[in-house]
Amino acid sequence: MSGQLSGQHEPGAALGRMVRAAWSETLGEDHPDTLAAANRLAGCLVGLRKYAEARDLFADLLPRCERALGWEDPLTLTVVSNLGMASRCVV
């Protein structure tokens, strides 16, 4: 799921949706791998300029990351930052 790093956001988002759905079903919504997959998917959505959708996904992720990982976890802090960035882009 390197779409957000490679610039290939469309294939990254498609793959991200599949991985997130599969991992949510298999591992659970609050599993660290599922949370990381959702964060990457939202990053691809930002790359596609789907800022509102990305913001909503980051907003959904934040309380789940805090619950599952704690406020000091790097993924939680990344989601906070990404949520702020996506929120600024929504007009």
PDB file of N, CA and C in Angstrom:
ATOM      1  N   MET A   1       0.829  -1.191   0.000  1.00  0.00           N
ATOM      2  CA  MET A   1       0.000   0.000   0.000  1.00  0.00           C
ATOM      3  C   MET A   1       0.862   1.239   0.000  1.00  0.00           C
ATOM      4  N   SER A   2       1.710   1.339  -0.946  1.00  0.00           N
ATOM      5  CA  SER A   2       2.619   2.477  -0.984  1.00  0.00           C
ATOM      6  C   SER A   2       2.119   3.571  -1.912  1.00  0.00           C
ATOM      7  N   GLY A   3       0.830   3.594  -2.213  1.00  0.00           N
ATOM      8  CA  GLY A   3       0.281   4.566  -3.143  1.00  0.00           C
ATOM      9  C   GLY A   3       0.556   5.995  -2.749  1.00  0.00           C
ATOM     10  N   GLN A   4       0.469   6.295  -1.461  1.00  0.00           N
ATOM     11  CA  GLN A   4       0.673   7.680  -1.072  1.00  0.00           C
ATOM     12  C   GLN A   4       2.137   8.089  -1.191  1.00  0.00           C
ATOM     13  N   LEU A   5       3.057   7.154  -1.147  1.00  0.00           N
ATOM     14  CA  LEU A   5       4.473   7.490  -1.286  1.00  0.00           C
ATOM     15  C   LEU A   5       4.926   7.477  -2.740  1.00  0.00           C
ATOM     16  N   SER A   6       4.304   6.641  -3.553  1.00  0.00           N
ATOM     17  CA  SER A   6       4.742   6.498  -4.940  1.00  0.00           C
ATOM     18  C   SER A   6       4.037   7.449  -5.887  1.00  0.00           C
ATOM     19  N   GLY A   7       2.986   8.123  -5.419  1.00  0.00           N
ATOM     20  CA  GLY A   7       2.221   8.990  -6.296  1.00  0.00           C
ATOM     21  C   GLY A   7       1.136   8.255  -7.049  1.00  0.00           C
ATOM     22  N   GLN A   8       0.999   6.973  -6.828  1.00  0.00           N
ATOM     23  CA  GLN A   8      -0.035   6.176  -7.482  1.00  0.00           C
ATOM     24  C   GLN A   8      -1.229   6.051  -6.537  1.00  0.00           C
ATOM     25  N   HIS A   9      -1.942   7.153  -6.389  1.00  0.00           N
ATOM     26  CA  HIS A   9      -2.996   7.226  -5.377  1.00  0.00           C
ATOM     27  C   HIS A   9      -4.216   6.380  -5.711  1.00  0.00           C
ATOM     28  N   GLU A  10      -4.604   6.329  -6.983  1.00  0.00           N
ATOM     29  CA  GLU A  10      -5.807   5.565  -7.357  1.00  0.00           C
ATOM     30  C   GLU A  10      -5.630   4.078  -7.073  1.00  0.00           C
ATOM     31  N   PRO A  11      -4.543   3.440  -7.560  1.00  0.00           N
ATOM     32  CA  PRO A  11      -4.362   2.026  -7.226  1.00  0.00           C
ATOM     33  C   PRO A  11      -4.141   1.821  -5.722  1.00  0.00           C
ATOM     34  N   GLY A  12      -3.474   2.776  -5.083  1.00  0.00           N
ATOM     35  CA  GLY A  12      -3.256   2.671  -3.639  1.00  0.00           C
ATOM     36  C   GLY A  12      -4.554   2.712  -2.870  1.00  0.00           C
ATOM     37  N   ALA A  13      -5.475   3.583  -3.294  1.00  0.00           N
ATOM     38  CA  ALA A  13      -6.773   3.682  -2.625  1.00  0.00           C
ATOM     39  C   ALA A  13      -7.585   2.409  -2.845  1.00  0.00           C
ATOM     40  N   ALA A  14      -7.566   1.879  -4.064  1.00  0.00           N
ATOM     41  CA  ALA A  14      -8.311   0.643  -4.346  1.00  0.00           C
ATOM     42  C   ALA A  14      -7.776  -0.513  -3.503  1.00  0.00           C
ATOM     43  N   LEU A  15      -6.462  -0.644  -3.465  1.00  0.00           N
ATOM     44  CA  LEU A  15      -5.850  -1.689  -2.655  1.00  0.00           C
ATOM     45  C   LEU A  15      -6.119  -1.444  -1.169  1.00  0.00           C
ATOM     46  N   GLY A  16      -6.027  -0.187  -0.756  1.00  0.00           N
ATOM     47  CA  GLY A  16      -6.273   0.168   0.642  1.00  0.00           C
ATOM     48  C   GLY A  16      -7.673  -0.197   1.085  1.00  0.00           C
ATOM     49  N   ARG A  17      -8.658   0.028   0.234  1.00  0.00           N
ATOM     50  CA  ARG A  17     -10.042  -0.334   0.576  1.00  0.00           C
ATOM     51  C   ARG A  17     -10.180  -1.847   0.770  1.00  0.00           C
ATOM     52  N   MET A  18      -9.539  -2.608  -0.131  1.00  0.00           N
ATOM     53  CA  MET A  18      -9.620  -4.069  -0.020  1.00  0.00           C
ATOM     54  C   MET A  18      -8.920  -4.574   1.241  1.00  0.00           C
ATOM     55  N   VAL A  19      -7.718  -4.070   1.489  1.00  0.00           N
ATOM     56  CA  VAL A  19      -6.947  -4.510   2.657  1.00  0.00           C
ATOM     57  C   VAL A  19      -7.667  -4.123   3.945  1.00  0.00           C
ATOM     58  N   ARG A  20      -8.151  -2.893   4.009  1.00  0.00           N
ATOM     59  CA  ARG A  20      -8.851  -2.442   5.219  1.00  0.00           C
ATOM     60  C   ARG A  20     -10.078  -3.310   5.489  1.00  0.00           C
ATOM     61  N   ALA A  21     -10.851  -3.611   4.455  1.00  0.00           N
ATOM     62  CA  ALA A  21     -12.047  -4.443   4.636  1.00  0.00           C
ATOM     63  C   ALA A  21     -11.676  -5.850   5.105  1.00  0.00           C
ATOM     64  N   ALA A  22     -10.667  -6.429   4.472  1.00  0.00           N
ATOM     65  CA  ALA A  22     -10.253  -7.793   4.837  1.00  0.00           C
ATOM     66  C   ALA A  22      -9.699  -7.834   6.253  1.00  0.00           C
ATOM     67  N   TRP A  23      -8.848  -6.868   6.595  1.00  0.00           N
ATOM     68  CA  TRP A  23      -8.253  -6.862   7.927  1.00  0.00           C
ATOM     69  C   TRP A  23      -9.273  -6.521   9.001  1.00  0.00           C
ATOM     70  N   SER A  24     -10.228  -5.644   8.660  1.00  0.00           N
ATOM     71  CA  SER A  24     -11.291  -5.331   9.626  1.00  0.00           C
ATOM     72  C   SER A  24     -12.065  -6.581   9.976  1.00  0.00           C
ATOM     73  N   GLU A  25     -12.365  -7.365   8.943  1.00  0.00           N
ATOM     74  CA  GLU A  25     -13.119  -8.598   9.157  1.00  0.00           C
ATOM     75  C   GLU A  25     -12.295  -9.642   9.902  1.00  0.00           C
ATOM     76  N   THR A  26     -11.039  -9.772   9.532  1.00  0.00           N
ATOM     77  CA  THR A  26     -10.184 -10.818  10.108  1.00  0.00           C
ATOM     78  C   THR A  26      -9.606 -10.428  11.462  1.00  0.00           C
ATOM     79  N   LEU A  27      -9.058  -9.219  11.553  1.00  0.00           N
ATOM     80  CA  LEU A  27      -8.340  -8.791  12.753  1.00  0.00           C
ATOM     81  C   LEU A  27      -9.187  -7.947  13.693  1.00  0.00           C
ATOM     82  N   GLY A  28     -10.189  -7.276  13.139  1.00  0.00           N
ATOM     83  CA  GLY A  28     -11.016  -6.365  13.923  1.00  0.00           C
ATOM     84  C   GLY A  28     -10.701  -4.920  13.585  1.00  0.00           C
ATOM     85  N   GLU A  29     -11.697  -4.058  13.793  1.00  0.00           N
ATOM     86  CA  GLU A  29     -11.584  -2.629  13.454  1.00  0.00           C
ATOM     87  C   GLU A  29     -10.465  -1.918  14.207  1.00  0.00           C
ATOM     88  N   ASP A  30     -10.184  -2.333  15.442  1.00  0.00           N
ATOM     89  CA  ASP A  30      -9.215  -1.611  16.276  1.00  0.00           C
ATOM     90  C   ASP A  30      -7.842  -2.284  16.342  1.00  0.00           C
ATOM     91  N   HIS A  31      -7.607  -3.266  15.500  1.00  0.00           N
ATOM     92  CA  HIS A  31      -6.282  -3.893  15.461  1.00  0.00           C
ATOM     93  C   HIS A  31      -5.281  -2.901  14.878  1.00  0.00           C
ATOM     94  N   PRO A  32      -4.066  -2.832  15.413  1.00  0.00           N
ATOM     95  CA  PRO A  32      -3.076  -1.876  14.903  1.00  0.00           C
ATOM     96  C   PRO A  32      -2.842  -1.960  13.394  1.00  0.00           C
ATOM     97  N   ASP A  33      -2.852  -3.160  12.820  1.00  0.00           N
ATOM     98  CA  ASP A  33      -2.643  -3.281  11.374  1.00  0.00           C
ATOM     99  C   ASP A  33      -3.822  -2.709  10.592  1.00  0.00           C
ATOM    100  N   THR A  34      -5.033  -2.924  11.089  1.00  0.00           N
ATOM    101  CA  THR A  34      -6.219  -2.361  10.443  1.00  0.00           C
ATOM    102  C   THR A  34      -6.190  -0.840  10.525  1.00  0.00           C
ATOM    103  N   LEU A  35      -5.813  -0.315  11.673  1.00  0.00           N
ATOM    104  CA  LEU A  35      -5.723   1.134  11.842  1.00  0.00           C
ATOM    105  C   LEU A  35      -4.676   1.722  10.899  1.00  0.00           C
ATOM    106  N   ALA A  36      -3.537   1.065  10.787  1.00  0.00           N
ATOM    107  CA  ALA A  36      -2.479   1.543   9.890  1.00  0.00           C
ATOM    108  C   ALA A  36      -2.941   1.502   8.434  1.00  0.00           C
ATOM    109  N   ALA A  37      -3.669   0.445   8.055  1.00  0.00           N
ATOM    110  CA  ALA A  37      -4.182   0.347   6.684  1.00  0.00           C
ATOM    111  C   ALA A  37      -5.170   1.478   6.402  1.00  0.00           C
ATOM    112  N   ALA A  38      -6.021   1.783   7.361  1.00  0.00           N
ATOM    113  CA  ALA A  38      -6.994   2.870   7.183  1.00  0.00           C
ATOM    114  C   ALA A  38      -6.275   4.214   7.069  1.00  0.00           C
ATOM    115  N   ASN A  39      -5.219   4.411   7.837  1.00  0.00           N
ATOM    116  CA  ASN A  39      -4.448   5.656   7.748  1.00  0.00           C
ATOM    117  C   ASN A  39      -3.820   5.796   6.361  1.00  0.00           C
ATOM    118  N   ARG A  40      -3.291   4.705   5.834  1.00  0.00           N
ATOM    119  CA  ARG A  40      -2.695   4.747   4.492  1.00  0.00           C
ATOM    120  C   ARG A  40      -3.751   5.011   3.429  1.00  0.00           C
ATOM    121  N   LEU A  41      -4.924   4.375   3.591  1.00  0.00           N
ATOM    122  CA  LEU A  41      -6.026   4.618   2.661  1.00  0.00           C
ATOM    123  C   LEU A  41      -6.397   6.098   2.670  1.00  0.00           C
ATOM    124  N   ALA A  42      -6.542   6.666   3.843  1.00  0.00           N
ATOM    125  CA  ALA A  42      -6.892   8.088   3.940  1.00  0.00           C
ATOM    126  C   ALA A  42      -5.806   8.954   3.297  1.00  0.00           C
ATOM    127  N   GLY A  43      -4.546   8.566   3.440  1.00  0.00           N
ATOM    128  CA  GLY A  43      -3.467   9.293   2.777  1.00  0.00           C
ATOM    129  C   GLY A  43      -3.594   9.255   1.264  1.00  0.00           C
ATOM    130  N   CYS A  44      -3.984   8.114   0.737  1.00  0.00           N
ATOM    131  CA  CYS A  44      -4.219   8.018  -0.716  1.00  0.00           C
ATOM    132  C   CYS A  44      -5.391   8.899  -1.128  1.00  0.00           C
ATOM    133  N   LEU A  45      -6.421   8.972  -0.284  1.00  0.00           N
ATOM    134  CA  LEU A  45      -7.568   9.835  -0.582  1.00  0.00           C
ATOM    135  C   LEU A  45      -7.138  11.298  -0.633  1.00  0.00           C
ATOM    136  N   VAL A  46      -6.228  11.689   0.244  1.00  0.00           N
ATOM    137  CA  VAL A  46      -5.685  13.050   0.188  1.00  0.00           C
ATOM    138  C   VAL A  46      -4.982  13.255  -1.151  1.00  0.00           C
ATOM    139  N   GLY A  47      -4.196  12.278  -1.566  1.00  0.00           N
ATOM    140  CA  GLY A  47      -3.506  12.364  -2.849  1.00  0.00           C
ATOM    141  C   GLY A  47      -4.460  12.483  -4.022  1.00  0.00           C
ATOM    142  N   LEU A  48      -5.660  11.938  -3.870  1.00  0.00           N
ATOM    143  CA  LEU A  48      -6.691  12.039  -4.905  1.00  0.00           C
ATOM    144  C   LEU A  48      -7.531  13.307  -4.759  1.00  0.00           C
ATOM    145  N   ARG A  49      -7.171  14.109  -3.774  1.00  0.00           N
ATOM    146  CA  ARG A  49      -7.892  15.351  -3.458  1.00  0.00           C
ATOM    147  C   ARG A  49      -9.322  15.105  -2.993  1.00  0.00           C
ATOM    148  N   LYS A  50      -9.535  13.956  -2.400  1.00  0.00           N
ATOM    149  CA  LYS A  50     -10.831  13.638  -1.786  1.00  0.00           C
ATOM    150  C   LYS A  50     -10.711  13.973  -0.298  1.00  0.00           C
ATOM    151  N   TYR A  51     -10.550  15.276  -0.048  1.00  0.00           N
ATOM    152  CA  TYR A  51     -10.216  15.751   1.289  1.00  0.00           C
ATOM    153  C   TYR A  51     -11.309  15.476   2.325  1.00  0.00           C
ATOM    154  N   ALA A  52     -12.555  15.655   1.953  1.00  0.00           N
ATOM    155  CA  ALA A  52     -13.644  15.436   2.913  1.00  0.00           C
ATOM    156  C   ALA A  52     -13.711  13.963   3.321  1.00  0.00           C
ATOM    157  N   GLU A  53     -13.566  13.067   2.355  1.00  0.00           N
ATOM    158  CA  GLU A  53     -13.576  11.640   2.663  1.00  0.00           C
ATOM    159  C   GLU A  53     -12.378  11.258   3.532  1.00  0.00           C
ATOM    160  N   ALA A  54     -11.220  11.810   3.210  1.00  0.00           N
ATOM    161  CA  ALA A  54     -10.018  11.553   4.008  1.00  0.00           C
ATOM    162  C   ALA A  54     -10.194  12.087   5.423  1.00  0.00           C
ATOM    163  N   ARG A  55     -10.700  13.316   5.547  1.00  0.00           N
ATOM    164  CA  ARG A  55     -10.920  13.915   6.865  1.00  0.00           C
ATOM    165  C   ARG A  55     -11.863  13.050   7.702  1.00  0.00           C
ATOM    166  N   ASP A  56     -12.942  12.570   7.082  1.00  0.00           N
ATOM    167  CA  ASP A  56     -13.899  11.734   7.817  1.00  0.00           C
ATOM    168  C   ASP A  56     -13.259  10.425   8.275  1.00  0.00           C
ATOM    169  N   LEU A  57     -12.410   9.847   7.436  1.00  0.00           N
ATOM    170  CA  LEU A  57     -11.727   8.610   7.816  1.00  0.00           C
ATOM    171  C   LEU A  57     -10.720   8.875   8.930  1.00  0.00           C
ATOM    172  N   PHE A  58      -9.950   9.954   8.827  1.00  0.00           N
ATOM    173  CA  PHE A  58      -9.016  10.302   9.905  1.00  0.00           C
ATOM    174  C   PHE A  58      -9.778  10.570  11.209  1.00  0.00           C
ATOM    175  N   ALA A  59     -10.916  11.259  11.118  1.00  0.00           N
ATOM    176  CA  ALA A  59     -11.719  11.563  12.315  1.00  0.00           C
ATOM    177  C   ALA A  59     -12.263  10.289  12.947  1.00  0.00           C
ATOM    178  N   ASP A  60     -12.621   9.319  12.128  1.00  0.00           N
ATOM    179  CA  ASP A  60     -13.079   8.021  12.646  1.00  0.00           C
ATOM    180  C   ASP A  60     -11.930   7.256  13.292  1.00  0.00           C
ATOM    181  N   LEU A  61     -10.757   7.380  12.695  1.00  0.00           N
ATOM    182  CA  LEU A  61      -9.575   6.663  13.182  1.00  0.00           C
ATOM    183  C   LEU A  61      -9.065   7.175  14.525  1.00  0.00           C
ATOM    184  N   LEU A  62      -9.133   8.466  14.727  1.00  0.00           N
ATOM    185  CA  LEU A  62      -8.489   9.056  15.902  1.00  0.00           C
ATOM    186  C   LEU A  62      -8.954   8.447  17.222  1.00  0.00           C
ATOM    187  N   PRO A  63     -10.249   8.365  17.518  1.00  0.00           N
ATOM    188  CA  PRO A  63     -10.627   7.768  18.801  1.00  0.00           C
ATOM    189  C   PRO A  63     -10.289   6.285  18.893  1.00  0.00           C
ATOM    190  N   ARG A  64     -10.313   5.594  17.757  1.00  0.00           N
ATOM    191  CA  ARG A  64      -9.965   4.169  17.783  1.00  0.00           C
ATOM    192  C   ARG A  64      -8.474   3.985  18.044  1.00  0.00           C
ATOM    193  N   CYS A  65      -7.629   4.828  17.440  1.00  0.00           N
ATOM    194  CA  CYS A  65      -6.186   4.767  17.714  1.00  0.00           C
ATOM    195  C   CYS A  65      -5.904   5.090  19.172  1.00  0.00           C
ATOM    196  N   GLU A  66      -6.557   6.118  19.679  1.00  0.00           N
ATOM    197  CA  GLU A  66      -6.339   6.511  21.073  1.00  0.00           C
ATOM    198  C   GLU A  66      -6.721   5.374  22.008  1.00  0.00           C
ATOM    199  N   ARG A  67      -7.854   4.742  21.738  1.00  0.00           N
ATOM    200  CA  ARG A  67      -8.326   3.628  22.566  1.00  0.00           C
ATOM    201  C   ARG A  67      -7.380   2.422  22.481  1.00  0.00           C
ATOM    202  N   ALA A  68      -7.002   2.072  21.260  1.00  0.00           N
ATOM    203  CA  ALA A  68      -6.225   0.851  21.043  1.00  0.00           C
ATOM    204  C   ALA A  68      -4.739   1.022  21.316  1.00  0.00           C
ATOM    205  N   LEU A  69      -4.213   2.215  21.037  1.00  0.00           N
ATOM    206  CA  LEU A  69      -2.761   2.408  21.070  1.00  0.00           C
ATOM    207  C   LEU A  69      -2.289   3.418  22.109  1.00  0.00           C
ATOM    208  N   GLY A  70      -3.167   4.339  22.485  1.00  0.00           N
ATOM    209  CA  GLY A  70      -2.783   5.401  23.412  1.00  0.00           C
ATOM    210  C   GLY A  70      -2.373   6.659  22.672  1.00  0.00           C
ATOM    211  N   TRP A  71      -2.383   7.789  23.397  1.00  0.00           N
ATOM    212  CA  TRP A  71      -2.095   9.088  22.785  1.00  0.00           C
ATOM    213  C   TRP A  71      -0.652   9.263  22.355  1.00  0.00           C
ATOM    214  N   GLU A  72       0.257   8.538  22.954  1.00  0.00           N
ATOM    215  CA  GLU A  72       1.670   8.736  22.632  1.00  0.00           C
ATOM    216  C   GLU A  72       2.187   7.818  21.528  1.00  0.00           C
ATOM    217  N   ASP A  73       1.327   6.952  21.028  1.00  0.00           N
ATOM    218  CA  ASP A  73       1.746   6.038  19.962  1.00  0.00           C
ATOM    219  C   ASP A  73       1.995   6.821  18.667  1.00  0.00           C
ATOM    220  N   PRO A  74       3.027   6.473  17.923  1.00  0.00           N
ATOM    221  CA  PRO A  74       3.334   7.196  16.682  1.00  0.00           C
ATOM    222  C   PRO A  74       2.170   7.214  15.682  1.00  0.00           C
ATOM    223  N   LEU A  75       1.420   6.127  15.583  1.00  0.00           N
ATOM    224  CA  LEU A  75       0.302   6.125  14.639  1.00  0.00           C
ATOM    225  C   LEU A  75      -0.786   7.097  15.082  1.00  0.00           C
ATOM    226  N   THR A  76      -1.086   7.142  16.370  1.00  0.00           N
ATOM    227  CA  THR A  76      -2.082   8.087  16.873  1.00  0.00           C
ATOM    228  C   THR A  76      -1.650   9.514  16.570  1.00  0.00           C
ATOM    229  N   LEU A  77      -0.390   9.826  16.822  1.00  0.00           N
ATOM    230  CA  LEU A  77       0.118  11.168  16.549  1.00  0.00           C
ATOM    231  C   LEU A  77       0.088  11.491  15.054  1.00  0.00           C
ATOM    232  N   THR A  78       0.366  10.511  14.225  1.00  0.00           N
ATOM    233  CA  THR A  78       0.297  10.696  12.775  1.00  0.00           C
ATOM    234  C   THR A  78      -1.132  10.991  12.341  1.00  0.00           C
ATOM    235  N   VAL A  79      -2.087  10.246  12.905  1.00  0.00           N
ATOM    236  CA  VAL A  79      -3.492  10.464  12.554  1.00  0.00           C
ATOM    237  C   VAL A  79      -3.944  11.862  12.981  1.00  0.00           C
ATOM    238  N   VAL A  80      -3.511  12.322  14.160  1.00  0.00           N
ATOM    239  CA  VAL A  80      -3.847  13.684  14.602  1.00  0.00           C
ATOM    240  C   VAL A  80      -3.327  14.698  13.589  1.00  0.00           C
ATOM    241  N   SER A  81      -2.096  14.552  13.186  1.00  0.00           N
ATOM    242  CA  SER A  81      -1.498  15.466  12.217  1.00  0.00           C
ATOM    243  C   SER A  81      -2.224  15.399  10.873  1.00  0.00           C
ATOM    244  N   ASN A  82      -2.492  14.186  10.418  1.00  0.00           N
ATOM    245  CA  ASN A  82      -3.167  14.006   9.125  1.00  0.00           C
ATOM    246  C   ASN A  82      -4.591  14.576   9.162  1.00  0.00           C
ATOM    247  N   LEU A  83      -5.276  14.412  10.277  1.00  0.00           N
ATOM    248  CA  LEU A  83      -6.619  14.969  10.428  1.00  0.00           C
ATOM    249  C   LEU A  83      -6.577  16.493  10.309  1.00  0.00           C
ATOM    250  N   GLY A  84      -5.617  17.107  10.969  1.00  0.00           N
ATOM    251  CA  GLY A  84      -5.476  18.567  10.871  1.00  0.00           C
ATOM    252  C   GLY A  84      -5.207  19.017   9.454  1.00  0.00           C
ATOM    253  N   MET A  85      -4.333  18.316   8.760  1.00  0.00           N
ATOM    254  CA  MET A  85      -3.991  18.672   7.384  1.00  0.00           C
ATOM    255  C   MET A  85      -5.203  18.506   6.473  1.00  0.00           C
ATOM    256  N   ALA A  86      -5.887  17.377   6.576  1.00  0.00           N
ATOM    257  CA  ALA A  86      -7.051  17.124   5.719  1.00  0.00           C
ATOM    258  C   ALA A  86      -8.164  18.125   6.020  1.00  0.00           C
ATOM    259  N   SER A  87      -8.329  18.480   7.272  1.00  0.00           N
ATOM    260  CA  SER A  87      -9.372  19.449   7.661  1.00  0.00           C
ATOM    261  C   SER A  87      -9.112  20.820   7.047  1.00  0.00           C
ATOM    262  N   ARG A  88      -7.855  21.206   6.949  1.00  0.00           N
ATOM    263  CA  ARG A  88      -7.516  22.498   6.352  1.00  0.00           C
ATOM    264  C   ARG A  88      -7.806  22.515   4.846  1.00  0.00           C
ATOM    265  N   CYS A  89      -7.766  21.346   4.223  1.00  0.00           N
ATOM    266  CA  CYS A  89      -7.952  21.264   2.771  1.00  0.00           C
ATOM    267  C   CYS A  89      -9.431  21.254   2.362  1.00  0.00           C
ATOM    268  N   VAL A  90     -10.314  20.910   3.292  1.00  0.00           N
ATOM    269  CA  VAL A  90     -11.737  20.840   2.965  1.00  0.00           C
ATOM    270  C   VAL A  90     -12.279  22.252   2.878  1.00  0.00           C
ATOM    271  N   VAL A  91     -12.935  22.551   1.782  1.00  0.00           N
ATOM    272  CA  VAL A  91     -13.503  23.892   1.618  1.00  0.00           C
ATOM    273  C   VAL A  91     -15.001  23.818   1.499  1.00  0.00           C
TER     274      VAL A  91
END
